[in-house]
PDB file of N, CA and C in Angstrom:
ATOM      1  N   MET A   1      29.016  20.716  13.184  1.00  0.00           N
ATOM      2  CA  MET A   1      27.029  21.129  13.375  1.00  0.00           C
ATOM      3  C   MET A   1      26.183  21.814  12.080  1.00  0.00           C
ATOM      4  N   GLY A   2      27.231  21.990  11.375  1.00  0.00           N
ATOM      5  CA  GLY A   2      26.827  22.985   9.855  1.00  0.00           C
ATOM      6  C   GLY A   2      26.145  21.532   8.310  1.00  0.00           C
ATOM      7  N   GLU A   3      26.211  20.284   8.849  1.00  0.00           N
ATOM      8  CA  GLU A   3      25.812  19.485   8.030  1.00  0.00           C
ATOM      9  C   GLU A   3      24.275  18.790   8.157  1.00  0.00           C
ATOM     10  N   ARG A   4      23.719  18.778   7.434  1.00  0.00           N
ATOM     11  CA  ARG A   4      22.697  17.890   7.527  1.00  0.00           C
ATOM     12  C   ARG A   4      22.405  16.687   7.880  1.00  0.00           C
ATOM     13  N   GLU A   5      21.587  15.719   8.880  1.00  0.00           N
ATOM     14  CA  GLU A   5      21.439  14.758   8.487  1.00  0.00           C
ATOM     15  C   GLU A   5      20.355  14.409   7.520  1.00  0.00           C
ATOM     16  N   THR A   6      20.774  13.041   6.076  1.00  0.00           N
ATOM     17  CA  THR A   6      20.705  12.709   5.797  1.00  0.00           C
ATOM     18  C   THR A   6      19.482  11.988   5.804  1.00  0.00           C
ATOM     19  N   HIS A   7      18.674  11.412   5.365  1.00  0.00           N
ATOM     20  CA  HIS A   7      17.406  11.301   5.215  1.00  0.00           C
ATOM     21  C   HIS A   7      17.765   9.654   4.984  1.00  0.00           C
ATOM     22  N   ARG A   8      17.333   8.343   6.126  1.00  0.00           N
ATOM     23  CA  ARG A   8      17.789   7.334   5.522  1.00  0.00           C
ATOM     24  C   ARG A   8      17.045   6.523   5.415  1.00  0.00           C
ATOM     25  N   GLN A   9      16.811   5.829   4.117  1.00  0.00           N
ATOM     26  CA  GLN A   9      15.843   4.712   3.460  1.00  0.00           C
ATOM     27  C   GLN A   9      15.414   4.100   3.910  1.00  0.00           C
ATOM     28  N   MET A  10      14.538   4.401   4.527  1.00  0.00           N
ATOM     29  CA  MET A  10      13.285   3.336   5.518  1.00  0.00           C
ATOM     30  C   MET A  10      12.721   1.620   4.697  1.00  0.00           C
ATOM     31  N   ARG A  11      12.948   0.995   5.914  1.00  0.00           N
ATOM     32  CA  ARG A  11      12.825  -0.930   5.248  1.00  0.00           C
ATOM     33  C   ARG A  11      11.686  -1.680   5.287  1.00  0.00           C
ATOM     34  N   ILE A  12      10.950  -1.540   5.750  1.00  0.00           N
ATOM     35  CA  ILE A  12       9.864  -2.154   5.855  1.00  0.00           C
ATOM     36  C   ILE A  12       9.336  -4.311   6.241  1.00  0.00           C
ATOM     37  N   ASN A  13       9.791  -4.924   6.275  1.00  0.00           N
ATOM     38  CA  ASN A  13       9.358  -6.151   6.056  1.00  0.00           C
ATOM     39  C   ASN A  13       8.089  -7.035   7.006  1.00  0.00           C
ATOM     40  N   PRO A  14       7.030  -6.669   5.963  1.00  0.00           N
ATOM     41  CA  PRO A  14       6.205  -7.083   6.458  1.00  0.00           C
ATOM     42  C   PRO A  14       5.901  -8.638   6.500  1.00  0.00           C
ATOM     43  N   LEU A  15       5.329  -9.027   7.281  1.00  0.00           N
ATOM     44  CA  LEU A  15       4.926 -11.116   7.392  1.00  0.00           C
ATOM     45  C   LEU A  15       3.913 -11.230   6.990  1.00  0.00           C
ATOM     46  N   SER A  16       3.871 -12.650   6.333  1.00  0.00           N
ATOM     47  CA  SER A  16       3.151 -13.543   5.901  1.00  0.00           C
ATOM     48  C   SER A  16       2.399 -12.708   4.784  1.00  0.00           C
ATOM     49  N   ASP A  17       1.185 -12.295   4.732  1.00  0.00           N
ATOM     50  CA  ASP A  17       0.525 -11.402   3.429  1.00  0.00           C
ATOM     51  C   ASP A  17       0.029 -10.182   3.437  1.00  0.00           C
ATOM     52  N   ILE A  18       0.815  -9.630   4.797  1.00  0.00           N
ATOM     53  CA  ILE A  18       0.201  -8.019   5.013  1.00  0.00           C
ATOM     54  C   ILE A  18       1.279  -7.639   4.111  1.00  0.00           C
ATOM     55  N   VAL A  19       0.982  -6.584   3.423  1.00  0.00           N
ATOM     56  CA  VAL A  19       1.031  -5.491   2.402  1.00  0.00           C
ATOM     57  C   VAL A  19       0.798  -4.288   2.772  1.00  0.00           C
ATOM     58  N   VAL A  20       1.856  -3.194   3.082  1.00  0.00           N
ATOM     59  CA  VAL A  20       1.837  -1.549   3.188  1.00  0.00           C
ATOM     60  C   VAL A  20       1.901  -0.578   2.142  1.00  0.00           C
ATOM     61  N   ILE A  21       0.875   0.365   1.977  1.00  0.00           N
ATOM     62  CA  ILE A  21       0.174   1.127   1.300  1.00  0.00           C
ATOM     63  C   ILE A  21       0.606   2.221   1.443  1.00  0.00           C
ATOM     64  N   LYS A  22       0.873   3.268   0.184  1.00  0.00           N
ATOM     65  CA  LYS A  22       1.046   4.573   0.537  1.00  0.00           C
ATOM     66  C   LYS A  22      -0.482   5.137  -0.134  1.00  0.00           C
ATOM     67  N   ARG A  23      -1.021   5.941   0.622  1.00  0.00           N
ATOM     68  CA  ARG A  23      -1.978   6.489   0.310  1.00  0.00           C
ATOM     69  C   ARG A  23      -1.934   7.059  -1.396  1.00  0.00           C
ATOM     70  N   SER A  24      -2.576   6.781  -2.700  1.00  0.00           N
ATOM     71  CA  SER A  24      -2.320   8.291  -3.343  1.00  0.00           C
ATOM     72  C   SER A  24      -3.234   9.567  -2.846  1.00  0.00           C
ATOM     73  N   SER A  25      -2.433  10.238  -3.274  1.00  0.00           N
ATOM     74  CA  SER A  25      -3.060  11.270  -3.613  1.00  0.00           C
ATOM     75  C   SER A  25      -3.723  12.669  -5.077  1.00  0.00           C
ATOM     76  N   TYR A  26      -5.129  12.679  -4.679  1.00  0.00           N
ATOM     77  CA  TYR A  26      -5.137  13.417  -5.901  1.00  0.00           C
ATOM     78  C   TYR A  26      -4.518  13.779  -7.302  1.00  0.00           C
ATOM     79  N   ASP A  27      -3.872  14.570  -6.872  1.00  0.00           N
ATOM     80  CA  ASP A  27      -2.455  14.809  -8.484  1.00  0.00           C
ATOM     81  C   ASP A  27      -2.014  12.992  -8.925  1.00  0.00           C
ATOM     82  N   GLU A  28      -1.656  13.008  -7.773  1.00  0.00           N
ATOM     83  CA  GLU A  28      -1.074  11.413  -8.320  1.00  0.00           C
ATOM     84  C   GLU A  28      -1.902  10.367  -9.103  1.00  0.00           C
ATOM     85  N   ILE A  29      -2.986  10.203  -8.603  1.00  0.00           N
ATOM     86  CA  ILE A  29      -3.866   9.788  -9.536  1.00  0.00           C
ATOM     87  C   ILE A  29      -4.437  10.385 -10.476  1.00  0.00           C
ATOM     88  N   ASN A  30      -4.853  11.781 -11.039  1.00  0.00           N
ATOM     89  CA  ASN A  30      -4.765  12.530 -12.215  1.00  0.00           C
ATOM     90  C   ASN A  30      -3.300  12.281 -13.367  1.00  0.00           C
ATOM     91  N   GLN A  31      -2.190  12.847 -13.015  1.00  0.00           N
ATOM     92  CA  GLN A  31      -1.198  11.904 -13.618  1.00  0.00           C
ATOM     93  C   GLN A  31      -0.586  11.400 -13.733  1.00  0.00           C
ATOM     94  N   SER A  32      -1.282   9.885 -13.257  1.00  0.00           N
ATOM     95  CA  SER A  32      -1.405   8.691 -14.322  1.00  0.00           C
ATOM     96  C   SER A  32      -2.117   7.990 -14.926  1.00  0.00           C
ATOM     97  N   GLY A  33      -2.688   8.489 -14.552  1.00  0.00           N
ATOM     98  CA  GLY A  33      -3.489   8.823 -16.758  1.00  0.00           C
ATOM     99  C   GLY A  33      -5.210   8.127 -15.924  1.00  0.00           C
ATOM    100  N   ILE A  34      -4.905   7.763 -14.782  1.00  0.00           N
ATOM    101  CA  ILE A  34      -6.432   6.727 -14.125  1.00  0.00           C
ATOM    102  C   ILE A  34      -7.535   7.626 -14.300  1.00  0.00           C
ATOM    103  N   VAL A  35      -8.565   7.125 -15.071  1.00  0.00           N
ATOM    104  CA  VAL A  35     -10.701   7.173 -15.693  1.00  0.00           C
ATOM    105  C   VAL A  35     -10.827   7.316 -14.137  1.00  0.00           C
ATOM    106  N   LEU A  36     -11.045   8.014 -14.016  1.00  0.00           N
ATOM    107  CA  LEU A  36     -12.319   7.011 -12.954  1.00  0.00           C
ATOM    108  C   LEU A  36     -13.031   7.760 -12.583  1.00  0.00           C
ATOM    109  N   PRO A  37     -13.943   7.483 -11.862  1.00  0.00           N
ATOM    110  CA  PRO A  37     -15.282   8.896 -11.376  1.00  0.00           C
ATOM    111  C   PRO A  37     -15.038   9.021  -9.475  1.00  0.00           C
ATOM    112  N   LEU A  38     -13.891  10.189  -9.453  1.00  0.00           N
ATOM    113  CA  LEU A  38     -13.145  10.396  -8.412  1.00  0.00           C
ATOM    114  C   LEU A  38     -14.036  11.295  -6.941  1.00  0.00           C
ATOM    115  N   SER A  39     -14.547  10.126  -6.019  1.00  0.00           N
ATOM    116  CA  SER A  39     -15.787  11.207  -5.493  1.00  0.00           C
ATOM    117  C   SER A  39     -14.511  10.268  -4.126  1.00  0.00           C
ATOM    118  N   ALA A  40     -15.114  11.153  -3.609  1.00  0.00           N
ATOM    119  CA  ALA A  40     -14.446  11.409  -1.621  1.00  0.00           C
ATOM    120  C   ALA A  40     -13.942  10.213  -1.931  1.00  0.00           C
ATOM    121  N   ASP A  41     -14.682   9.167  -1.646  1.00  0.00           N
ATOM    122  CA  ASP A  41     -14.423   7.768  -1.166  1.00  0.00           C
ATOM    123  C   ASP A  41     -13.403   6.563  -2.217  1.00  0.00           C
ATOM    124  N   ILE A  42     -14.203   7.100  -3.085  1.00  0.00           N
ATOM    125  CA  ILE A  42     -13.191   6.011  -4.142  1.00  0.00           C
ATOM    126  C   ILE A  42     -11.370   6.733  -3.951  1.00  0.00           C
ATOM    127  N   LEU A  43     -10.972   8.047  -4.133  1.00  0.00           N
ATOM    128  CA  LEU A  43      -9.538   8.771  -4.080  1.00  0.00           C
ATOM    129  C   LEU A  43      -8.668   7.937  -2.438  1.00  0.00           C
ATOM    130  N   GLU A  44      -9.867   7.771  -1.173  1.00  0.00           N
ATOM    131  CA  GLU A  44     -10.087   7.059  -0.340  1.00  0.00           C
ATOM    132  C   GLU A  44      -8.738   5.927   0.077  1.00  0.00           C
ATOM    133  N   ASP A  45      -9.167   5.190  -1.361  1.00  0.00           N
ATOM    134  CA  ASP A  45      -9.256   3.202  -1.744  1.00  0.00           C
ATOM    135  C   ASP A  45      -7.793   3.120  -2.227  1.00  0.00           C
ATOM    136  N   ILE A  46      -7.477   4.424  -3.135  1.00  0.00           N
ATOM    137  CA  ILE A  46      -6.566   4.210  -3.897  1.00  0.00           C
ATOM    138  C   ILE A  46      -5.496   4.312  -3.274  1.00  0.00           C
ATOM    139  N   GLY A  47      -4.372   3.199  -4.025  1.00  0.00           N
ATOM    140  CA  GLY A  47      -2.821   4.036  -3.216  1.00  0.00           C
ATOM    141  C   GLY A  47      -1.749   2.780  -4.183  1.00  0.00           C
ATOM    142  N   THR A  48      -0.454   3.059  -3.793  1.00  0.00           N
ATOM    143  CA  THR A  48       0.467   1.956  -3.871  1.00  0.00           C
ATOM    144  C   THR A  48       0.915   0.980  -3.392  1.00  0.00           C
ATOM    145  N   ILE A  49       1.572  -0.025  -3.442  1.00  0.00           N
ATOM    146  CA  ILE A  49       2.096  -1.093  -2.852  1.00  0.00           C
ATOM    147  C   ILE A  49       3.898  -0.634  -2.287  1.00  0.00           C
ATOM    148  N   LYS A  50       3.889  -0.634  -1.236  1.00  0.00           N
ATOM    149  CA  LYS A  50       4.838  -0.196  -0.601  1.00  0.00           C
ATOM    150  C   LYS A  50       6.669  -0.744  -0.309  1.00  0.00           C
ATOM    151  N   PHE A  51       5.286  -1.920   0.416  1.00  0.00           N
ATOM    152  CA  PHE A  51       5.707  -3.154   0.552  1.00  0.00           C
ATOM    153  C   PHE A  51       5.288  -4.206   0.933  1.00  0.00           C
ATOM    154  N   CYS A  52       5.755  -5.569   0.581  1.00  0.00           N
ATOM    155  CA  CYS A  52       4.782  -6.487   0.950  1.00  0.00           C
ATOM    156  C   CYS A  52       5.699  -8.122   1.703  1.00  0.00           C
ATOM    157  N   GLY A  53       4.679  -8.741   2.444  1.00  0.00           N
ATOM    158  CA  GLY A  53       5.515 -10.155   2.875  1.00  0.00           C
ATOM    159  C   GLY A  53       5.607 -11.011   1.608  1.00  0.00           C
ATOM    160  N   LYS A  54       6.085 -11.735   1.899  1.00  0.00           N
ATOM    161  CA  LYS A  54       6.150 -13.560   1.088  1.00  0.00           C
ATOM    162  C   LYS A  54       5.425 -13.826   0.563  1.00  0.00           C
ATOM    163  N   GLY A  55       3.470 -14.178   1.423  1.00  0.00           N
ATOM    164  CA  GLY A  55       2.854 -14.829   1.532  1.00  0.00           C
ATOM    165  C   GLY A  55       2.435 -15.305   2.320  1.00  0.00           C
ATOM    166  N   LYS A  56       1.100 -16.432   2.410  1.00  0.00           N
ATOM    167  CA  LYS A  56       0.388 -17.148   4.202  1.00  0.00           C
ATOM    168  C   LYS A  56       1.190 -18.073   3.728  1.00  0.00           C
ATOM    169  N   VAL A  57       0.452 -18.696   4.650  1.00  0.00           N
ATOM    170  CA  VAL A  57       1.699 -21.017   4.404  1.00  0.00           C
ATOM    171  C   VAL A  57       0.770 -21.596   6.113  1.00  0.00           C
ATOM    172  N   THR A  58      -0.557 -21.793   4.662  1.00  0.00           N
ATOM    173  CA  THR A  58      -1.198 -22.257   6.216  1.00  0.00           C
ATOM    174  C   THR A  58      -1.144 -23.898   6.589  1.00  0.00           C
ATOM    175  N   PRO A  59      -1.497 -24.788   7.288  1.00  0.00           N
ATOM    176  CA  PRO A  59      -1.431 -25.885   7.026  1.00  0.00           C
ATOM    177  C   PRO A  59      -2.242 -26.748   5.287  1.00  0.00           C
ATOM    178  N   LYS A  60      -3.333 -25.744   4.472  1.00  0.00           N
ATOM    179  CA  LYS A  60      -3.278 -26.480   3.626  1.00  0.00           C
ATOM    180  C   LYS A  60      -2.223 -25.865   2.419  1.00  0.00           C
ATOM    181  N   GLY A  61      -1.472 -25.497   2.565  1.00  0.00           N
ATOM    182  CA  GLY A  61      -0.976 -25.282   1.747  1.00  0.00           C
ATOM    183  C   GLY A  61      -0.543 -23.303   1.417  1.00  0.00           C
ATOM    184  N   LYS A  62       0.560 -23.272   0.927  1.00  0.00           N
ATOM    185  CA  LYS A  62       1.030 -21.941   1.052  1.00  0.00           C
ATOM    186  C   LYS A  62       0.373 -21.017  -0.232  1.00  0.00           C
ATOM    187  N   TRP A  63       0.052 -19.824  -0.138  1.00  0.00           N
ATOM    188  CA  TRP A  63      -1.264 -19.049  -0.626  1.00  0.00           C
ATOM    189  C   TRP A  63       0.189 -17.788  -1.410  1.00  0.00           C
ATOM    190  N   PRO A  64       0.592 -17.886  -2.510  1.00  0.00           N
ATOM    191  CA  PRO A  64       1.681 -17.042  -2.783  1.00  0.00           C
ATOM    192  C   PRO A  64       0.663 -15.598  -2.895  1.00  0.00           C
ATOM    193  N   MET A  65       1.434 -14.056  -3.056  1.00  0.00           N
ATOM    194  CA  MET A  65       1.025 -12.939  -2.903  1.00  0.00           C
ATOM    195  C   MET A  65       0.941 -12.644  -4.615  1.00  0.00           C
ATOM    196  N   GLU A  66      -0.617 -12.027  -4.487  1.00  0.00           N
ATOM    197  CA  GLU A  66      -0.017 -11.608  -6.140  1.00  0.00           C
ATOM    198  C   GLU A  66      -0.558 -10.105  -6.579  1.00  0.00           C
ATOM    199  N   VAL A  67       0.429  -9.371  -5.529  1.00  0.00           N
ATOM    200  CA  VAL A  67       0.491  -8.599  -5.476  1.00  0.00           C
ATOM    201  C   VAL A  67       2.382  -8.093  -5.297  1.00  0.00           C
ATOM    202  N   LYS A  68       2.586  -7.191  -5.906  1.00  0.00           N
ATOM    203  CA  LYS A  68       3.790  -7.126  -5.035  1.00  0.00           C
ATOM    204  C   LYS A  68       4.124  -5.254  -5.028  1.00  0.00           C
ATOM    205  N   GLU A  69       5.535  -5.017  -4.703  1.00  0.00           N
ATOM    206  CA  GLU A  69       5.571  -3.310  -4.567  1.00  0.00           C
ATOM    207  C   GLU A  69       5.563  -2.839  -6.036  1.00  0.00           C
ATOM    208  N   GLY A  70       5.288  -1.732  -5.732  1.00  0.00           N
ATOM    209  CA  GLY A  70       4.978  -0.682  -6.816  1.00  0.00           C
ATOM    210  C   GLY A  70       3.752  -0.731  -7.739  1.00  0.00           C
ATOM    211  N   ASP A  71       2.821  -1.902  -7.118  1.00  0.00           N
ATOM    212  CA  ASP A  71       1.725  -1.762  -8.065  1.00  0.00           C
ATOM    213  C   ASP A  71       0.400  -1.390  -7.572  1.00  0.00           C
ATOM    214  N   LYS A  72      -0.297  -0.520  -8.246  1.00  0.00           N
ATOM    215  CA  LYS A  72      -1.101   0.632  -8.052  1.00  0.00           C
ATOM    216  C   LYS A  72      -2.703  -0.281  -7.651  1.00  0.00           C
ATOM    217  N   VAL A  73      -3.028  -0.021  -6.586  1.00  0.00           N
ATOM    218  CA  VAL A  73      -4.468  -0.619  -5.851  1.00  0.00           C
ATOM    219  C   VAL A  73      -5.173  -0.144  -5.319  1.00  0.00           C
ATOM    220  N   ILE A  74      -7.001  -0.917  -5.917  1.00  0.00           N
ATOM    221  CA  ILE A  74      -7.896  -0.442  -4.599  1.00  0.00           C
ATOM    222  C   ILE A  74      -8.263  -1.107  -3.716  1.00  0.00           C
ATOM    223  N   PHE A  75      -8.056  -0.593  -2.864  1.00  0.00           N
ATOM    224  CA  PHE A  75      -8.437  -0.940  -1.790  1.00  0.00           C
ATOM    225  C   PHE A  75      -9.358  -1.240  -0.583  1.00  0.00           C
ATOM    226  N   SER A  76      -9.851  -2.242   0.296  1.00  0.00           N
ATOM    227  CA  SER A  76     -10.891  -1.783   1.151  1.00  0.00           C
ATOM    228  C   SER A  76     -10.675  -1.040   2.273  1.00  0.00           C
ATOM    229  N   THR A  77     -11.678  -0.284   2.648  1.00  0.00           N
ATOM    230  CA  THR A  77     -11.126   0.532   3.663  1.00  0.00           C
ATOM    231  C   THR A  77     -11.695  -0.050   5.032  1.00  0.00           C
ATOM    232  N   ASN A  78     -12.131  -1.232   4.494  1.00  0.00           N
ATOM    233  CA  ASN A  78     -12.323  -1.564   5.936  1.00  0.00           C
ATOM    234  C   ASN A  78     -11.167  -2.080   6.969  1.00  0.00           C
ATOM    235  N   GLY A  79     -11.129  -2.625   8.099  1.00  0.00           N
ATOM    236  CA  GLY A  79     -10.535  -3.758   8.188  1.00  0.00           C
ATOM    237  C   GLY A  79      -8.783  -3.859   7.960  1.00  0.00           C
ATOM    238  N   HIS A  80      -8.521  -2.531   7.589  1.00  0.00           N
ATOM    239  CA  HIS A  80      -7.195  -1.846   7.713  1.00  0.00           C
ATOM    240  C   HIS A  80      -6.659  -0.868   8.929  1.00  0.00           C
ATOM    241  N   MET A  81      -5.471  -1.056   8.988  1.00  0.00           N
ATOM    242  CA  MET A  81      -4.851   0.110  10.732  1.00  0.00           C
ATOM    243  C   MET A  81      -4.039   1.547   9.481  1.00  0.00           C
ATOM    244  N   VAL A  82      -4.328   2.309  10.345  1.00  0.00           N
ATOM    245  CA  VAL A  82      -3.695   4.046   9.739  1.00  0.00           C
ATOM    246  C   VAL A  82      -2.240   3.774  10.454  1.00  0.00           C
ATOM    247  N   LYS A  83      -1.158   4.169  10.381  1.00  0.00           N
ATOM    248  CA  LYS A  83       0.121   3.938  10.288  1.00  0.00           C
ATOM    249  C   LYS A  83       1.001   5.453   9.888  1.00  0.00           C
ATOM    250  N   TYR A  84       1.164   5.751  11.047  1.00  0.00           N
ATOM    251  CA  TYR A  84       2.671   7.145  10.943  1.00  0.00           C
ATOM    252  C   TYR A  84       3.855   6.765  10.827  1.00  0.00           C
ATOM    253  N   ILE A  85       4.420   5.994  10.288  1.00  0.00           N
ATOM    254  CA  ILE A  85       5.806   5.988  10.165  1.00  0.00           C
ATOM    255  C   ILE A  85       6.697   7.176   9.375  1.00  0.00           C
ATOM    256  N   GLU A  86       7.653   7.614  11.157  1.00  0.00           N
ATOM    257  CA  GLU A  86       8.715   8.740  10.387  1.00  0.00           C
ATOM    258  C   GLU A  86       7.867  10.179   9.301  1.00  0.00           C
ATOM    259  N   GLY A  87       6.702   9.719  10.236  1.00  0.00           N
ATOM    260  CA  GLY A  87       5.976  11.587   9.598  1.00  0.00           C
ATOM    261  C   GLY A  87       5.009  10.956   8.559  1.00  0.00           C
ATOM    262  N   GLU A  88       4.836   9.804   7.983  1.00  0.00           N
ATOM    263  CA  GLU A  88       4.172   9.877   6.283  1.00  0.00           C
ATOM    264  C   GLU A  88       3.627   8.944   6.577  1.00  0.00           C
ATOM    265  N   GLU A  89       2.225   9.167   6.035  1.00  0.00           N
ATOM    266  CA  GLU A  89       0.988   8.234   6.783  1.00  0.00           C
ATOM    267  C   GLU A  89       1.125   6.554   5.363  1.00  0.00           C
ATOM    268  N   PHE A  90       1.123   5.398   5.819  1.00  0.00           N
ATOM    269  CA  PHE A  90       0.725   4.178   5.899  1.00  0.00           C
ATOM    270  C   PHE A  90      -0.861   3.403   6.003  1.00  0.00           C
ATOM    271  N   ILE A  91      -0.483   2.181   5.080  1.00  0.00           N
ATOM    272  CA  ILE A  91      -2.330   1.942   5.332  1.00  0.00           C
ATOM    273  C   ILE A  91      -1.886   0.095   5.593  1.00  0.00           C
ATOM    274  N   VAL A  92      -1.771  -0.261   6.772  1.00  0.00           N
ATOM    275  CA  VAL A  92      -1.740  -1.744   6.841  1.00  0.00           C
ATOM    276  C   VAL A  92      -3.095  -2.389   6.149  1.00  0.00           C
ATOM    277  N   THR A  93      -2.512  -3.064   5.537  1.00  0.00           N
ATOM    278  CA  THR A  93      -3.866  -3.956   5.877  1.00  0.00           C
ATOM    279  C   THR A  93      -3.305  -5.990   5.306  1.00  0.00           C
ATOM    280  N   HIS A  94      -3.840  -6.408   5.085  1.00  0.00           N
ATOM    281  CA  HIS A  94      -4.078  -8.639   4.291  1.00  0.00           C
ATOM    282  C   HIS A  94      -4.119  -7.834   3.174  1.00  0.00           C
ATOM    283  N   GLN A  95      -4.088  -8.577   1.972  1.00  0.00           N
ATOM    284  CA  GLN A  95      -3.343  -8.963   0.375  1.00  0.00           C
ATOM    285  C   GLN A  95      -5.122  -8.890   0.516  1.00  0.00           C
ATOM    286  N   ASP A  96      -6.138  -9.605   0.882  1.00  0.00           N
ATOM    287  CA  ASP A  96      -7.180 -10.533   0.890  1.00  0.00           C
ATOM    288  C   ASP A  96      -7.992  -8.643   0.444  1.00  0.00           C
ATOM    289  N   SER A  97      -8.045  -7.538   1.549  1.00  0.00           N
ATOM    290  CA  SER A  97      -8.413  -6.164   1.540  1.00  0.00           C
ATOM    291  C   SER A  97      -7.815  -5.528   0.002  1.00  0.00           C
ATOM    292  N   ILE A  98      -6.878  -6.264  -0.768  1.00  0.00           N
ATOM    293  CA  ILE A  98      -6.976  -5.287  -1.684  1.00  0.00           C
ATOM    294  C   ILE A  98      -8.028  -6.133  -3.056  1.00  0.00           C
ATOM    295  N   ILE A  99      -8.815  -4.739  -3.694  1.00  0.00           N
ATOM    296  CA  ILE A  99      -9.960  -5.325  -4.873  1.00  0.00           C
ATOM    297  C   ILE A  99      -9.130  -5.702  -5.572  1.00  0.00           C
ATOM    298  N   GLY A 100      -8.512  -5.142  -6.027  1.00  0.00           N
ATOM    299  CA  GLY A 100      -7.632  -4.835  -7.830  1.00  0.00           C
ATOM    300  C   GLY A 100      -6.163  -4.096  -8.072  1.00  0.00           C
ATOM    301  N   ILE A 101      -5.958  -4.343  -8.986  1.00  0.00           N
ATOM    302  CA  ILE A 101      -4.822  -4.333  -9.042  1.00  0.00           C
ATOM    303  C   ILE A 101      -4.745  -2.811 -10.504  1.00  0.00           C
ATOM    304  N   ILE A 102      -4.848  -2.190 -11.035  1.00  0.00           N
ATOM    305  CA  ILE A 102      -4.983  -0.729 -11.176  1.00  0.00           C
ATOM    306  C   ILE A 102      -3.911  -0.882 -12.951  1.00  0.00           C
ATOM    307  N   GLU A 103      -4.090  -1.355 -13.614  1.00  0.00           N
ATOM    308  CA  GLU A 103      -3.195  -1.048 -14.754  1.00  0.00           C
ATOM    309  C   GLU A 103      -3.463   0.162 -15.952  1.00  0.00           C
TER     310      GLU A 103
END
């Protein structure tokens, strides 16, 4: 009874062009040196890709992913889902909702 349950590392394998994003906090944005006019709107739109699919396959061919796990991105707040997994908030959306990669 004295032993603590260890936290298991969660792994999500999204399908198609789905990405799972962990929204950045104000402190994370400032520590990484991103210089943006940080209004509340922009802060909500920045995050790190935690999991992503392999790309979309259509009758016209394969559309590979342009982003990868670990990329810091700006994403659209329209058309995404907010999901709570093991108490953490994640944004689930399509690759098309990503506006750009922050370098």
